Amino acid sequence: MGVIRMKNMVFYGYHGVSDSEKNLGGKFEIDLDLDLDLKKACLTDNLEDTVNYESIYKTVDSCINQKKFYLIEALASSIAERIFNKYAVEKLTIRVRKPHAPVKGVLDTVEVEIQRDKTDYV
């Protein structure tokens, strides 16, 4: 087993509860920890024996732009489900950050973290 980490992927999306979030949009940051068997890729040095990072990035981008969510919790779950449906990943941890969330107060970012394994989406 091994872990591939993709840190601080940045996207622009239209997720949130307020009208300004839905209409004006905002920045979202995503971290993924992908747990999978990397033994074959280590031996063969072949891209076909692992997951393609660019393809994962495009999958996340597609999730962010195809549907609007009220909650970043739902967005995170949607991304996780799509990854399990497309890639040979055993489990993952996903963090979705919403910088400058509309909170009355001083706040850098709001972050949701979920952990899932492939049996959660069977």
PDB file of N, CA and C in Angstrom:
ATOM      1  N   MET A   1       0.841  -1.194   0.000  1.00  0.00           N
ATOM      2  CA  MET A   1       0.000   0.000   0.000  1.00  0.00           C
ATOM      3  C   MET A   1       0.880   1.249   0.000  1.00  0.00           C
ATOM      4  N   GLY A   2       0.289   2.339  -0.380  1.00  0.00           N
ATOM      5  CA  GLY A   2       0.985   3.613  -0.377  1.00  0.00           C
ATOM      6  C   GLY A   2      -0.029   4.735  -0.401  1.00  0.00           C
ATOM      7  N   VAL A   3       0.475   5.955  -0.350  1.00  0.00           N
ATOM      8  CA  VAL A   3      -0.382   7.134  -0.352  1.00  0.00           C
ATOM      9  C   VAL A   3       0.128   8.119  -1.405  1.00  0.00           C
ATOM     10  N   ILE A   4      -0.771   8.608  -2.211  1.00  0.00           N
ATOM     11  CA  ILE A   4      -0.478   9.719  -3.105  1.00  0.00           C
ATOM     12  C   ILE A   4      -1.222  10.921  -2.549  1.00  0.00           C
ATOM     13  N   ARG A   5      -0.499  12.001  -2.292  1.00  0.00           N
ATOM     14  CA  ARG A   5      -1.109  13.217  -1.757  1.00  0.00           C
ATOM     15  C   ARG A   5      -1.104  14.307  -2.823  1.00  0.00           C
ATOM     16  N   MET A   6      -2.245  14.918  -2.983  1.00  0.00           N
ATOM     17  CA  MET A   6      -2.376  16.078  -3.867  1.00  0.00           C
ATOM     18  C   MET A   6      -2.825  17.223  -2.969  1.00  0.00           C
ATOM     19  N   LYS A   7      -1.959  18.225  -2.822  1.00  0.00           N
ATOM     20  CA  LYS A   7      -2.204  19.283  -1.850  1.00  0.00           C
ATOM     21  C   LYS A   7      -2.527  20.615  -2.515  1.00  0.00           C
ATOM     22  N   ASN A   8      -3.507  21.270  -1.941  1.00  0.00           N
ATOM     23  CA  ASN A   8      -3.868  22.641  -2.280  1.00  0.00           C
ATOM     24  C   ASN A   8      -4.211  22.843  -3.756  1.00  0.00           C
ATOM     25  N   MET A   9      -5.033  21.933  -4.280  1.00  0.00           N
ATOM     26  CA  MET A   9      -5.590  22.169  -5.611  1.00  0.00           C
ATOM     27  C   MET A   9      -6.586  23.321  -5.459  1.00  0.00           C
ATOM     28  N   VAL A  10      -6.563  24.262  -6.358  1.00  0.00           N
ATOM     29  CA  VAL A  10      -7.401  25.465  -6.230  1.00  0.00           C
ATOM     30  C   VAL A  10      -8.373  25.529  -7.406  1.00  0.00           C
ATOM     31  N   PHE A  11      -9.641  25.780  -7.071  1.00  0.00           N
ATOM     32  CA  PHE A  11     -10.707  25.861  -8.065  1.00  0.00           C
ATOM     33  C   PHE A  11     -11.612  27.031  -7.732  1.00  0.00           C
ATOM     34  N   TYR A  12     -12.369  27.453  -8.702  1.00  0.00           N
ATOM     35  CA  TYR A  12     -13.385  28.481  -8.487  1.00  0.00           C
ATOM     36  C   TYR A  12     -14.743  27.810  -8.664  1.00  0.00           C
ATOM     37  N   GLY A  13     -15.634  28.002  -7.691  1.00  0.00           N
ATOM     38  CA  GLY A  13     -16.930  27.352  -7.764  1.00  0.00           C
ATOM     39  C   GLY A  13     -18.027  28.201  -7.170  1.00  0.00           C
ATOM     40  N   TYR A  14     -19.245  27.699  -7.265  1.00  0.00           N
ATOM     41  CA  TYR A  14     -20.439  28.437  -6.845  1.00  0.00           C
ATOM     42  C   TYR A  14     -21.217  27.637  -5.800  1.00  0.00           C
ATOM     43  N   HIS A  15     -20.571  27.346  -4.697  1.00  0.00           N
ATOM     44  CA  HIS A  15     -21.156  26.534  -3.642  1.00  0.00           C
ATOM     45  C   HIS A  15     -21.351  27.375  -2.397  1.00  0.00           C
ATOM     46  N   GLY A  16     -22.487  27.186  -1.746  1.00  0.00           N
ATOM     47  CA  GLY A  16     -22.765  27.912  -0.519  1.00  0.00           C
ATOM     48  C   GLY A  16     -24.247  28.139  -0.352  1.00  0.00           C
ATOM     49  N   VAL A  17     -24.593  28.740   0.776  1.00  0.00           N
ATOM     50  CA  VAL A  17     -25.982  28.972   1.120  1.00  0.00           C
ATOM     51  C   VAL A  17     -26.437  30.372   0.698  1.00  0.00           C
ATOM     52  N   SER A  18     -25.552  31.342   0.820  1.00  0.00           N
ATOM     53  CA  SER A  18     -25.944  32.722   0.534  1.00  0.00           C
ATOM     54  C   SER A  18     -26.029  32.980  -0.980  1.00  0.00           C
ATOM     55  N   ASP A  19     -26.824  33.972  -1.344  1.00  0.00           N
ATOM     56  CA  ASP A  19     -26.977  34.331  -2.755  1.00  0.00           C
ATOM     57  C   ASP A  19     -25.648  34.752  -3.376  1.00  0.00           C
ATOM     58  N   SER A  20     -24.837  35.480  -2.618  1.00  0.00           N
ATOM     59  CA  SER A  20     -23.556  35.929  -3.182  1.00  0.00           C
ATOM     60  C   SER A  20     -22.638  34.742  -3.485  1.00  0.00           C
ATOM     61  N   GLU A  21     -22.654  33.721  -2.642  1.00  0.00           N
ATOM     62  CA  GLU A  21     -21.830  32.533  -2.905  1.00  0.00           C
ATOM     63  C   GLU A  21     -22.318  31.803  -4.156  1.00  0.00           C
ATOM     64  N   LYS A  22     -23.626  31.737  -4.318  1.00  0.00           N
ATOM     65  CA  LYS A  22     -24.207  31.019  -5.469  1.00  0.00           C
ATOM     66  C   LYS A  22     -24.027  31.795  -6.768  1.00  0.00           C
ATOM     67  N   ASN A  23     -24.057  33.128  -6.693  1.00  0.00           N
ATOM     68  CA  ASN A  23     -23.992  33.945  -7.909  1.00  0.00           C
ATOM     69  C   ASN A  23     -22.597  34.441  -8.245  1.00  0.00           C
ATOM     70  N   LEU A  24     -21.849  34.873  -7.242  1.00  0.00           N
ATOM     71  CA  LEU A  24     -20.502  35.402  -7.479  1.00  0.00           C
ATOM     72  C   LEU A  24     -19.433  34.326  -7.405  1.00  0.00           C
ATOM     73  N   GLY A  25     -19.696  33.296  -6.615  1.00  0.00           N
ATOM     74  CA  GLY A  25     -18.734  32.211  -6.475  1.00  0.00           C
ATOM     75  C   GLY A  25     -17.580  32.559  -5.562  1.00  0.00           C
ATOM     76  N   GLY A  26     -16.646  31.641  -5.494  1.00  0.00           N
ATOM     77  CA  GLY A  26     -15.480  31.839  -4.650  1.00  0.00           C
ATOM     78  C   GLY A  26     -14.455  30.740  -4.859  1.00  0.00           C
ATOM     79  N   LYS A  27     -13.336  30.909  -4.184  1.00  0.00           N
ATOM     80  CA  LYS A  27     -12.219  29.976  -4.297  1.00  0.00           C
ATOM     81  C   LYS A  27     -12.430  28.801  -3.343  1.00  0.00           C
ATOM     82  N   PHE A  28     -12.078  27.616  -3.824  1.00  0.00           N
ATOM     83  CA  PHE A  28     -12.103  26.400  -3.021  1.00  0.00           C
ATOM     84  C   PHE A  28     -10.753  25.710  -3.158  1.00  0.00           C
ATOM     85  N   GLU A  29     -10.253  25.212  -2.038  1.00  0.00           N
ATOM     86  CA  GLU A  29      -8.975  24.501  -2.017  1.00  0.00           C
ATOM     87  C   GLU A  29      -9.240  23.064  -1.592  1.00  0.00           C
ATOM     88  N   ILE A  30      -8.608  22.123  -2.298  1.00  0.00           N
ATOM     89  CA  ILE A  30      -8.847  20.700  -2.063  1.00  0.00           C
ATOM     90  C   ILE A  30      -7.516  19.997  -1.827  1.00  0.00           C
ATOM     91  N   ASP A  31      -7.484  19.158  -0.790  1.00  0.00           N
ATOM     92  CA  ASP A  31      -6.366  18.236  -0.548  1.00  0.00           C
ATOM     93  C   ASP A  31      -6.916  16.824  -0.636  1.00  0.00           C
ATOM     94  N   LEU A  32      -6.165  15.930  -1.264  1.00  0.00           N
ATOM     95  CA  LEU A  32      -6.543  14.521  -1.346  1.00  0.00           C
ATOM     96  C   LEU A  32      -5.392  13.656  -0.860  1.00  0.00           C
ATOM     97  N   ASP A  33      -5.698  12.688  -0.019  1.00  0.00           N
ATOM     98  CA  ASP A  33      -4.776  11.608   0.323  1.00  0.00           C
ATOM     99  C   ASP A  33      -5.399  10.341  -0.240  1.00  0.00           C
ATOM    100  N   LEU A  34      -4.779   9.764  -1.236  1.00  0.00           N
ATOM    101  CA  LEU A  34      -5.301   8.581  -1.920  1.00  0.00           C
ATOM    102  C   LEU A  34      -4.502   7.364  -1.493  1.00  0.00           C
ATOM    103  N   ASP A  35      -5.151   6.413  -0.837  1.00  0.00           N
ATOM    104  CA  ASP A  35      -4.500   5.175  -0.413  1.00  0.00           C
ATOM    105  C   ASP A  35      -4.753   4.111  -1.473  1.00  0.00           C
ATOM    106  N   LEU A  36      -3.680   3.535  -2.002  1.00  0.00           N
ATOM    107  CA  LEU A  36      -3.807   2.516  -3.032  1.00  0.00           C
ATOM    108  C   LEU A  36      -2.555   1.656  -3.072  1.00  0.00           C
ATOM    109  N   ASP A  37      -2.659   0.574  -3.786  1.00  0.00           N
ATOM    110  CA  ASP A  37      -1.526  -0.332  -3.938  1.00  0.00           C
ATOM    111  C   ASP A  37      -0.559   0.261  -4.965  1.00  0.00           C
ATOM    112  N   LEU A  38       0.624   0.618  -4.513  1.00  0.00           N
ATOM    113  CA  LEU A  38       1.631   1.222  -5.394  1.00  0.00           C
ATOM    114  C   LEU A  38       2.774   0.262  -5.739  1.00  0.00           C
ATOM    115  N   LYS A  39       2.671  -0.977  -5.277  1.00  0.00           N
ATOM    116  CA  LYS A  39       3.764  -1.936  -5.464  1.00  0.00           C
ATOM    117  C   LYS A  39       4.132  -2.114  -6.930  1.00  0.00           C
ATOM    118  N   LYS A  40       3.126  -2.343  -7.784  1.00  0.00           N
ATOM    119  CA  LYS A  40       3.406  -2.581  -9.205  1.00  0.00           C
ATOM    120  C   LYS A  40       4.020  -1.340  -9.860  1.00  0.00           C
ATOM    121  N   ALA A  41       3.488  -0.163  -9.550  1.00  0.00           N
ATOM    122  CA  ALA A  41       4.023   1.075 -10.130  1.00  0.00           C
ATOM    123  C   ALA A  41       5.474   1.298  -9.714  1.00  0.00           C
ATOM    124  N   CYS A  42       5.799   0.936  -8.489  1.00  0.00           N
ATOM    125  CA  CYS A  42       7.193   1.079  -8.028  1.00  0.00           C
ATOM    126  C   CYS A  42       8.135   0.178  -8.819  1.00  0.00           C
ATOM    127  N   LEU A  43       7.654  -0.990  -9.195  1.00  0.00           N
ATOM    128  CA  LEU A  43       8.492  -1.942  -9.932  1.00  0.00           C
ATOM    129  C   LEU A  43       8.570  -1.628 -11.422  1.00  0.00           C
ATOM    130  N   THR A  44       7.459  -1.192 -12.016  1.00  0.00           N
ATOM    131  CA  THR A  44       7.426  -1.020 -13.468  1.00  0.00           C
ATOM    132  C   THR A  44       7.770   0.387 -13.940  1.00  0.00           C
ATOM    133  N   ASP A  45       7.600   1.370 -13.045  1.00  0.00           N
ATOM    134  CA  ASP A  45       7.805   2.778 -13.427  1.00  0.00           C
ATOM    135  C   ASP A  45       6.900   3.153 -14.602  1.00  0.00           C
ATOM    136  N   ASN A  46       5.677   2.618 -14.591  1.00  0.00           N
ATOM    137  CA  ASN A  46       4.730   2.814 -15.685  1.00  0.00           C
ATOM    138  C   ASN A  46       3.486   3.522 -15.166  1.00  0.00           C
ATOM    139  N   LEU A  47       3.095   4.598 -15.824  1.00  0.00           N
ATOM    140  CA  LEU A  47       1.926   5.382 -15.437  1.00  0.00           C
ATOM    141  C   LEU A  47       0.650   4.547 -15.404  1.00  0.00           C
ATOM    142  N   GLU A  48       0.564   3.538 -16.251  1.00  0.00           N
ATOM    143  CA  GLU A  48      -0.621   2.678 -16.294  1.00  0.00           C
ATOM    144  C   GLU A  48      -0.823   1.880 -15.007  1.00  0.00           C
ATOM    145  N   ASP A  49       0.208   1.801 -14.169  1.00  0.00           N
ATOM    146  CA  ASP A  49       0.139   1.004 -12.944  1.00  0.00           C
ATOM    147  C   ASP A  49      -0.125   1.842 -11.700  1.00  0.00           C
ATOM    148  N   THR A  50      -0.562   3.074 -11.895  1.00  0.00           N
ATOM    149  CA  THR A  50      -0.894   3.959 -10.775  1.00  0.00           C
ATOM    150  C   THR A  50      -2.072   4.829 -11.211  1.00  0.00           C
ATOM    151  N   VAL A  51      -2.374   5.865 -10.454  1.00  0.00           N
ATOM    152  CA  VAL A  51      -3.397   6.817 -10.895  1.00  0.00           C
ATOM    153  C   VAL A  51      -2.702   8.034 -11.496  1.00  0.00           C
ATOM    154  N   ASN A  52      -3.296   8.567 -12.518  1.00  0.00           N
ATOM    155  CA  ASN A  52      -2.741   9.719 -13.208  1.00  0.00           C
ATOM    156  C   ASN A  52      -3.166  10.986 -12.460  1.00  0.00           C
ATOM    157  N   TYR A  53      -2.220  11.746 -11.939  1.00  0.00           N
ATOM    158  CA  TYR A  53      -2.521  12.946 -11.138  1.00  0.00           C
ATOM    159  C   TYR A  53      -3.347  13.960 -11.930  1.00  0.00           C
ATOM    160  N   GLU A  54      -3.005  14.137 -13.190  1.00  0.00           N
ATOM    161  CA  GLU A  54      -3.733  15.109 -14.002  1.00  0.00           C
ATOM    162  C   GLU A  54      -5.188  14.675 -14.181  1.00  0.00           C
ATOM    163  N   SER A  55      -5.406  13.388 -14.347  1.00  0.00           N
ATOM    164  CA  SER A  55      -6.757  12.871 -14.481  1.00  0.00           C
ATOM    165  C   SER A  55      -7.554  13.064 -13.188  1.00  0.00           C
ATOM    166  N   ILE A  56      -6.920  12.843 -12.056  1.00  0.00           N
ATOM    167  CA  ILE A  56      -7.573  13.078 -10.757  1.00  0.00           C
ATOM    168  C   ILE A  56      -7.943  14.560 -10.644  1.00  0.00           C
ATOM    169  N   TYR A  57      -7.014  15.442 -10.990  1.00  0.00           N
ATOM    170  CA  TYR A  57      -7.266  16.880 -10.933  1.00  0.00           C
ATOM    171  C   TYR A  57      -8.486  17.247 -11.788  1.00  0.00           C
ATOM    172  N   LYS A  58      -8.544  16.709 -12.998  1.00  0.00           N
ATOM    173  CA  LYS A  58      -9.673  16.997 -13.895  1.00  0.00           C
ATOM    174  C   LYS A  58     -10.982  16.443 -13.328  1.00  0.00           C
ATOM    175  N   THR A  59     -10.919  15.310 -12.651  1.00  0.00           N
ATOM    176  CA  THR A  59     -12.112  14.743 -12.023  1.00  0.00           C
ATOM    177  C   THR A  59     -12.627  15.661 -10.921  1.00  0.00           C
ATOM    178  N   VAL A  60     -11.722  16.169 -10.088  1.00  0.00           N
ATOM    179  CA  VAL A  60     -12.115  17.097  -9.023  1.00  0.00           C
ATOM    180  C   VAL A  60     -12.701  18.369  -9.646  1.00  0.00           C
ATOM    181  N   ASP A  61     -12.045  18.895 -10.655  1.00  0.00           N
ATOM    182  CA  ASP A  61     -12.536  20.095 -11.335  1.00  0.00           C
ATOM    183  C   ASP A  61     -13.950  19.876 -11.876  1.00  0.00           C
ATOM    184  N   SER A  62     -14.182  18.730 -12.463  1.00  0.00           N
ATOM    185  CA  SER A  62     -15.499  18.405 -12.998  1.00  0.00           C
ATOM    186  C   SER A  62     -16.553  18.377 -11.889  1.00  0.00           C
ATOM    187  N   CYS A  63     -16.235  17.792 -10.753  1.00  0.00           N
ATOM    188  CA  CYS A  63     -17.172  17.751  -9.616  1.00  0.00           C
ATOM    189  C   CYS A  63     -17.502  19.158  -9.134  1.00  0.00           C
ATOM    190  N   ILE A  64     -16.519  20.022  -9.095  1.00  0.00           N
ATOM    191  CA  ILE A  64     -16.725  21.377  -8.594  1.00  0.00           C
ATOM    192  C   ILE A  64     -17.603  22.181  -9.542  1.00  0.00           C
ATOM    193  N   ASN A  65     -17.483  21.917 -10.839  1.00  0.00           N
ATOM    194  CA  ASN A  65     -18.173  22.755 -11.821  1.00  0.00           C
ATOM    195  C   ASN A  65     -19.472  22.182 -12.377  1.00  0.00           C
ATOM    196  N   GLN A  66     -19.769  20.923 -12.133  1.00  0.00           N
ATOM    197  CA  GLN A  66     -20.980  20.333 -12.716  1.00  0.00           C
ATOM    198  C   GLN A  66     -22.223  20.548 -11.882  1.00  0.00           C
ATOM    199  N   LYS A  67     -22.079  20.705 -10.581  1.00  0.00           N
ATOM    200  CA  LYS A  67     -23.236  20.821  -9.708  1.00  0.00           C
ATOM    201  C   LYS A  67     -22.935  21.812  -8.601  1.00  0.00           C
ATOM    202  N   LYS A  68     -23.953  22.551  -8.179  1.00  0.00           N
ATOM    203  CA  LYS A  68     -23.793  23.486  -7.063  1.00  0.00           C
ATOM    204  C   LYS A  68     -24.269  22.816  -5.775  1.00  0.00           C
ATOM    205  N   PHE A  69     -23.485  22.985  -4.729  1.00  0.00           N
ATOM    206  CA  PHE A  69     -23.824  22.429  -3.422  1.00  0.00           C
ATOM    207  C   PHE A  69     -24.007  23.553  -2.416  1.00  0.00           C
ATOM    208  N   TYR A  70     -24.884  23.346  -1.466  1.00  0.00           N
ATOM    209  CA  TYR A  70     -25.003  24.274  -0.350  1.00  0.00           C
ATOM    210  C   TYR A  70     -23.829  24.085   0.618  1.00  0.00           C
ATOM    211  N   LEU A  71     -23.450  22.833   0.845  1.00  0.00           N
ATOM    212  CA  LEU A  71     -22.463  22.507   1.877  1.00  0.00           C
ATOM    213  C   LEU A  71     -21.184  21.938   1.281  1.00  0.00           C
ATOM    214  N   ILE A  72     -20.054  22.333   1.850  1.00  0.00           N
ATOM    215  CA  ILE A  72     -18.790  21.749   1.397  1.00  0.00           C
ATOM    216  C   ILE A  72     -18.690  20.290   1.830  1.00  0.00           C
ATOM    217  N   GLU A  73     -19.455  19.885   2.829  1.00  0.00           N
ATOM    218  CA  GLU A  73     -19.517  18.482   3.219  1.00  0.00           C
ATOM    219  C   GLU A  73     -20.045  17.636   2.052  1.00  0.00           C
ATOM    220  N   ALA A  74     -21.129  18.118   1.414  1.00  0.00           N
ATOM    221  CA  ALA A  74     -21.714  17.404   0.276  1.00  0.00           C
ATOM    222  C   ALA A  74     -20.773  17.427  -0.923  1.00  0.00           C
ATOM    223  N   LEU A  75     -20.095  18.539  -1.133  1.00  0.00           N
ATOM    224  CA  LEU A  75     -19.118  18.634  -2.215  1.00  0.00           C
ATOM    225  C   LEU A  75     -18.005  17.608  -2.010  1.00  0.00           C
ATOM    226  N   ALA A  76     -17.491  17.502  -0.803  1.00  0.00           N
ATOM    227  CA  ALA A  76     -16.423  16.544  -0.497  1.00  0.00           C
ATOM    228  C   ALA A  76     -16.879  15.114  -0.770  1.00  0.00           C
ATOM    229  N   SER A  77     -18.088  14.787  -0.355  1.00  0.00           N
ATOM    230  CA  SER A  77     -18.610  13.437  -0.571  1.00  0.00           C
ATOM    231  C   SER A  77     -18.789  13.137  -2.054  1.00  0.00           C
ATOM    232  N   SER A  78     -19.231  14.115  -2.817  1.00  0.00           N
ATOM    233  CA  SER A  78     -19.402  13.948  -4.256  1.00  0.00           C
ATOM    234  C   SER A  78     -18.066  13.664  -4.947  1.00  0.00           C
ATOM    235  N   ILE A  79     -17.038  14.388  -4.548  1.00  0.00           N
ATOM    236  CA  ILE A  79     -15.702  14.171  -5.118  1.00  0.00           C
ATOM    237  C   ILE A  79     -15.210  12.767  -4.768  1.00  0.00           C
ATOM    238  N   ALA A  80     -15.378  12.368  -3.510  1.00  0.00           N
ATOM    239  CA  ALA A  80     -14.944  11.039  -3.081  1.00  0.00           C
ATOM    240  C   ALA A  80     -15.641   9.951  -3.899  1.00  0.00           C
ATOM    241  N   GLU A  81     -16.952  10.074  -4.058  1.00  0.00           N
ATOM    242  CA  GLU A  81     -17.700   9.061  -4.809  1.00  0.00           C
ATOM    243  C   GLU A  81     -17.205   8.967  -6.252  1.00  0.00           C
ATOM    244  N   ARG A  82     -16.985  10.091  -6.890  1.00  0.00           N
ATOM    245  CA  ARG A  82     -16.515  10.096  -8.279  1.00  0.00           C
ATOM    246  C   ARG A  82     -15.139   9.432  -8.388  1.00  0.00           C
ATOM    247  N   ILE A  83     -14.251   9.705  -7.445  1.00  0.00           N
ATOM    248  CA  ILE A  83     -12.906   9.105  -7.476  1.00  0.00           C
ATOM    249  C   ILE A  83     -12.992   7.588  -7.319  1.00  0.00           C
ATOM    250  N   PHE A  84     -13.818   7.108  -6.379  1.00  0.00           N
ATOM    251  CA  PHE A  84     -13.951   5.662  -6.208  1.00  0.00           C
ATOM    252  C   PHE A  84     -14.562   4.994  -7.437  1.00  0.00           C
ATOM    253  N   ASN A  85     -15.426   5.693  -8.132  1.00  0.00           N
ATOM    254  CA  ASN A  85     -16.045   5.115  -9.325  1.00  0.00           C
ATOM    255  C   ASN A  85     -15.111   5.062 -10.526  1.00  0.00           C
ATOM    256  N   LYS A  86     -14.058   5.871 -10.519  1.00  0.00           N
ATOM    257  CA  LYS A  86     -13.172   5.951 -11.691  1.00  0.00           C
ATOM    258  C   LYS A  86     -11.786   5.354 -11.493  1.00  0.00           C
ATOM    259  N   TYR A  87     -11.318   5.243 -10.244  1.00  0.00           N
ATOM    260  CA  TYR A  87      -9.917   4.889 -10.009  1.00  0.00           C
ATOM    261  C   TYR A  87      -9.788   3.749  -8.997  1.00  0.00           C
ATOM    262  N   ALA A  88      -8.673   3.045  -9.064  1.00  0.00           N
ATOM    263  CA  ALA A  88      -8.390   1.919  -8.170  1.00  0.00           C
ATOM    264  C   ALA A  88      -7.816   2.421  -6.845  1.00  0.00           C
ATOM    265  N   VAL A  89      -8.634   3.161  -6.118  1.00  0.00           N
ATOM    266  CA  VAL A  89      -8.240   3.717  -4.821  1.00  0.00           C
ATOM    267  C   VAL A  89      -8.960   2.918  -3.737  1.00  0.00           C
ATOM    268  N   GLU A  90      -8.223   2.536  -2.698  1.00  0.00           N
ATOM    269  CA  GLU A  90      -8.812   1.744  -1.610  1.00  0.00           C
ATOM    270  C   GLU A  90      -9.549   2.624  -0.605  1.00  0.00           C
ATOM    271  N   LYS A  91      -8.917   3.722  -0.223  1.00  0.00           N
ATOM    272  CA  LYS A  91      -9.549   4.683   0.680  1.00  0.00           C
ATOM    273  C   LYS A  91      -8.950   6.055   0.413  1.00  0.00           C
ATOM    274  N   LEU A  92      -9.641   7.081   0.916  1.00  0.00           N
ATOM    275  CA  LEU A  92      -9.121   8.430   0.720  1.00  0.00           C
ATOM    276  C   LEU A  92      -9.529   9.325   1.872  1.00  0.00           C
ATOM    277  N   THR A  93      -8.759  10.368   2.018  1.00  0.00           N
ATOM    278  CA  THR A  93      -9.094  11.479   2.902  1.00  0.00           C
ATOM    279  C   THR A  93      -9.139  12.708   2.019  1.00  0.00           C
ATOM    280  N   ILE A  94     -10.213  13.467   2.156  1.00  0.00           N
ATOM    281  CA  ILE A  94     -10.346  14.694   1.370  1.00  0.00           C
ATOM    282  C   ILE A  94     -10.608  15.851   2.314  1.00  0.00           C
ATOM    283  N   ARG A  95      -9.907  16.946   2.056  1.00  0.00           N
ATOM    284  CA  ARG A  95     -10.120  18.191   2.795  1.00  0.00           C
ATOM    285  C   ARG A  95     -10.562  19.243   1.787  1.00  0.00           C
ATOM    286  N   VAL A  96     -11.693  19.876   2.075  1.00  0.00           N
ATOM    287  CA  VAL A  96     -12.207  20.958   1.237  1.00  0.00           C
ATOM    288  C   VAL A  96     -12.187  22.224   2.083  1.00  0.00           C
ATOM    289  N   ARG A  97     -11.454  23.219   1.594  1.00  0.00           N
ATOM    290  CA  ARG A  97     -11.359  24.504   2.294  1.00  0.00           C
ATOM    291  C   ARG A  97     -12.096  25.578   1.513  1.00  0.00           C
ATOM    292  N   LYS A  98     -12.719  26.453   2.282  1.00  0.00           N
ATOM    293  CA  LYS A  98     -13.424  27.591   1.704  1.00  0.00           C
ATOM    294  C   LYS A  98     -12.835  28.852   2.336  1.00  0.00           C
ATOM    295  N   PRO A  99     -11.807  29.419   1.687  1.00  0.00           N
ATOM    296  CA  PRO A  99     -11.218  30.641   2.226  1.00  0.00           C
ATOM    297  C   PRO A  99     -12.236  31.779   2.217  1.00  0.00           C
ATOM    298  N   HIS A 100     -12.146  32.607   3.180  1.00  0.00           N
ATOM    299  CA  HIS A 100     -12.985  33.803   3.259  1.00  0.00           C
ATOM    300  C   HIS A 100     -14.478  33.457   3.264  1.00  0.00           C
ATOM    301  N   ALA A 101     -14.822  32.397   3.989  1.00  0.00           N
ATOM    302  CA  ALA A 101     -16.233  32.021   4.112  1.00  0.00           C
ATOM    303  C   ALA A 101     -16.997  33.191   4.738  1.00  0.00           C
ATOM    304  N   PRO A 102     -18.241  33.393   4.324  1.00  0.00           N
ATOM    305  CA  PRO A 102     -19.005  34.535   4.821  1.00  0.00           C
ATOM    306  C   PRO A 102     -19.462  34.335   6.271  1.00  0.00           C
ATOM    307  N   VAL A 103     -18.556  34.592   7.167  1.00  0.00           N
ATOM    308  CA  VAL A 103     -18.819  34.474   8.601  1.00  0.00           C
ATOM    309  C   VAL A 103     -18.626  35.851   9.215  1.00  0.00           C
ATOM    310  N   LYS A 104     -19.540  36.245  10.081  1.00  0.00           N
ATOM    311  CA  LYS A 104     -19.398  37.546  10.741  1.00  0.00           C
ATOM    312  C   LYS A 104     -18.350  37.413  11.836  1.00  0.00           C
ATOM    313  N   GLY A 105     -17.130  37.725  11.465  1.00  0.00           N
ATOM    314  CA  GLY A 105     -16.008  37.604  12.385  1.00  0.00           C
ATOM    315  C   GLY A 105     -14.724  37.408  11.605  1.00  0.00           C
ATOM    316  N   VAL A 106     -13.624  37.309  12.316  1.00  0.00           N
ATOM    317  CA  VAL A 106     -12.315  37.122  11.704  1.00  0.00           C
ATOM    318  C   VAL A 106     -12.077  35.629  11.525  1.00  0.00           C
ATOM    319  N   LEU A 107     -11.871  35.224  10.280  1.00  0.00           N
ATOM    320  CA  LEU A 107     -11.728  33.807   9.959  1.00  0.00           C
ATOM    321  C   LEU A 107     -10.906  33.668   8.690  1.00  0.00           C
ATOM    322  N   ASP A 108      -9.894  32.851   8.727  1.00  0.00           N
ATOM    323  CA  ASP A 108      -9.059  32.619   7.551  1.00  0.00           C
ATOM    324  C   ASP A 108      -9.743  31.677   6.568  1.00  0.00           C
ATOM    325  N   THR A 109     -10.177  30.522   7.060  1.00  0.00           N
ATOM    326  CA  THR A 109     -10.767  29.519   6.184  1.00  0.00           C
ATOM    327  C   THR A 109     -11.641  28.574   6.990  1.00  0.00           C
ATOM    328  N   VAL A 110     -12.568  27.934   6.318  1.00  0.00           N
ATOM    329  CA  VAL A 110     -13.347  26.845   6.888  1.00  0.00           C
ATOM    330  C   VAL A 110     -12.933  25.591   6.133  1.00  0.00           C
ATOM    331  N   GLU A 111     -12.713  24.497   6.865  1.00  0.00           N
ATOM    332  CA  GLU A 111     -12.269  23.261   6.233  1.00  0.00           C
ATOM    333  C   GLU A 111     -13.103  22.091   6.726  1.00  0.00           C
ATOM    334  N   VAL A 112     -13.480  21.229   5.790  1.00  0.00           N
ATOM    335  CA  VAL A 112     -14.156  19.981   6.107  1.00  0.00           C
ATOM    336  C   VAL A 112     -13.238  18.849   5.681  1.00  0.00           C
ATOM    337  N   GLU A 113     -13.118  17.831   6.527  1.00  0.00           N
ATOM    338  CA  GLU A 113     -12.329  16.651   6.190  1.00  0.00           C
ATOM    339  C   GLU A 113     -13.206  15.422   6.347  1.00  0.00           C
ATOM    340  N   ILE A 114     -13.229  14.590   5.308  1.00  0.00           N
ATOM    341  CA  ILE A 114     -13.926  13.312   5.411  1.00  0.00           C
ATOM    342  C   ILE A 114     -12.984  12.200   4.988  1.00  0.00           C
ATOM    343  N   GLN A 115     -13.191  11.041   5.567  1.00  0.00           N
ATOM    344  CA  GLN A 115     -12.443   9.838   5.194  1.00  0.00           C
ATOM    345  C   GLN A 115     -13.439   8.805   4.711  1.00  0.00           C
ATOM    346  N   ARG A 116     -13.135   8.197   3.590  1.00  0.00           N
ATOM    347  CA  ARG A 116     -14.014   7.186   3.011  1.00  0.00           C
ATOM    348  C   ARG A 116     -13.172   6.039   2.480  1.00  0.00           C
ATOM    349  N   ASP A 117     -13.803   4.868   2.373  1.00  0.00           N
ATOM    350  CA  ASP A 117     -13.166   3.774   1.631  1.00  0.00           C
ATOM    351  C   ASP A 117     -14.130   3.292   0.562  1.00  0.00           C
ATOM    352  N   LYS A 118     -13.624   2.451  -0.330  1.00  0.00           N
ATOM    353  CA  LYS A 118     -14.425   2.119  -1.508  1.00  0.00           C
ATOM    354  C   LYS A 118     -15.716   1.408  -1.140  1.00  0.00           C
ATOM    355  N   THR A 119     -15.799   0.760   0.006  1.00  0.00           N
ATOM    356  CA  THR A 119     -17.043   0.083   0.397  1.00  0.00           C
ATOM    357  C   THR A 119     -18.154   1.067   0.756  1.00  0.00           C
ATOM    358  N   ASP A 120     -17.819   2.326   1.000  1.00  0.00           N
ATOM    359  CA  ASP A 120     -18.843   3.340   1.296  1.00  0.00           C
ATOM    360  C   ASP A 120     -19.690   3.684   0.064  1.00  0.00           C
ATOM    361  N   TYR A 121     -19.204   3.339  -1.121  1.00  0.00           N
ATOM    362  CA  TYR A 121     -19.899   3.729  -2.353  1.00  0.00           C
ATOM    363  C   TYR A 121     -20.216   2.533  -3.236  1.00  0.00           C
ATOM    364  N   VAL A 122     -20.463   1.383  -2.626  1.00  0.00           N
ATOM    365  CA  VAL A 122     -20.791   0.180  -3.399  1.00  0.00           C
ATOM    366  C   VAL A 122     -22.279   0.090  -3.599  1.00  0.00           C
TER     367      VAL A 122
END
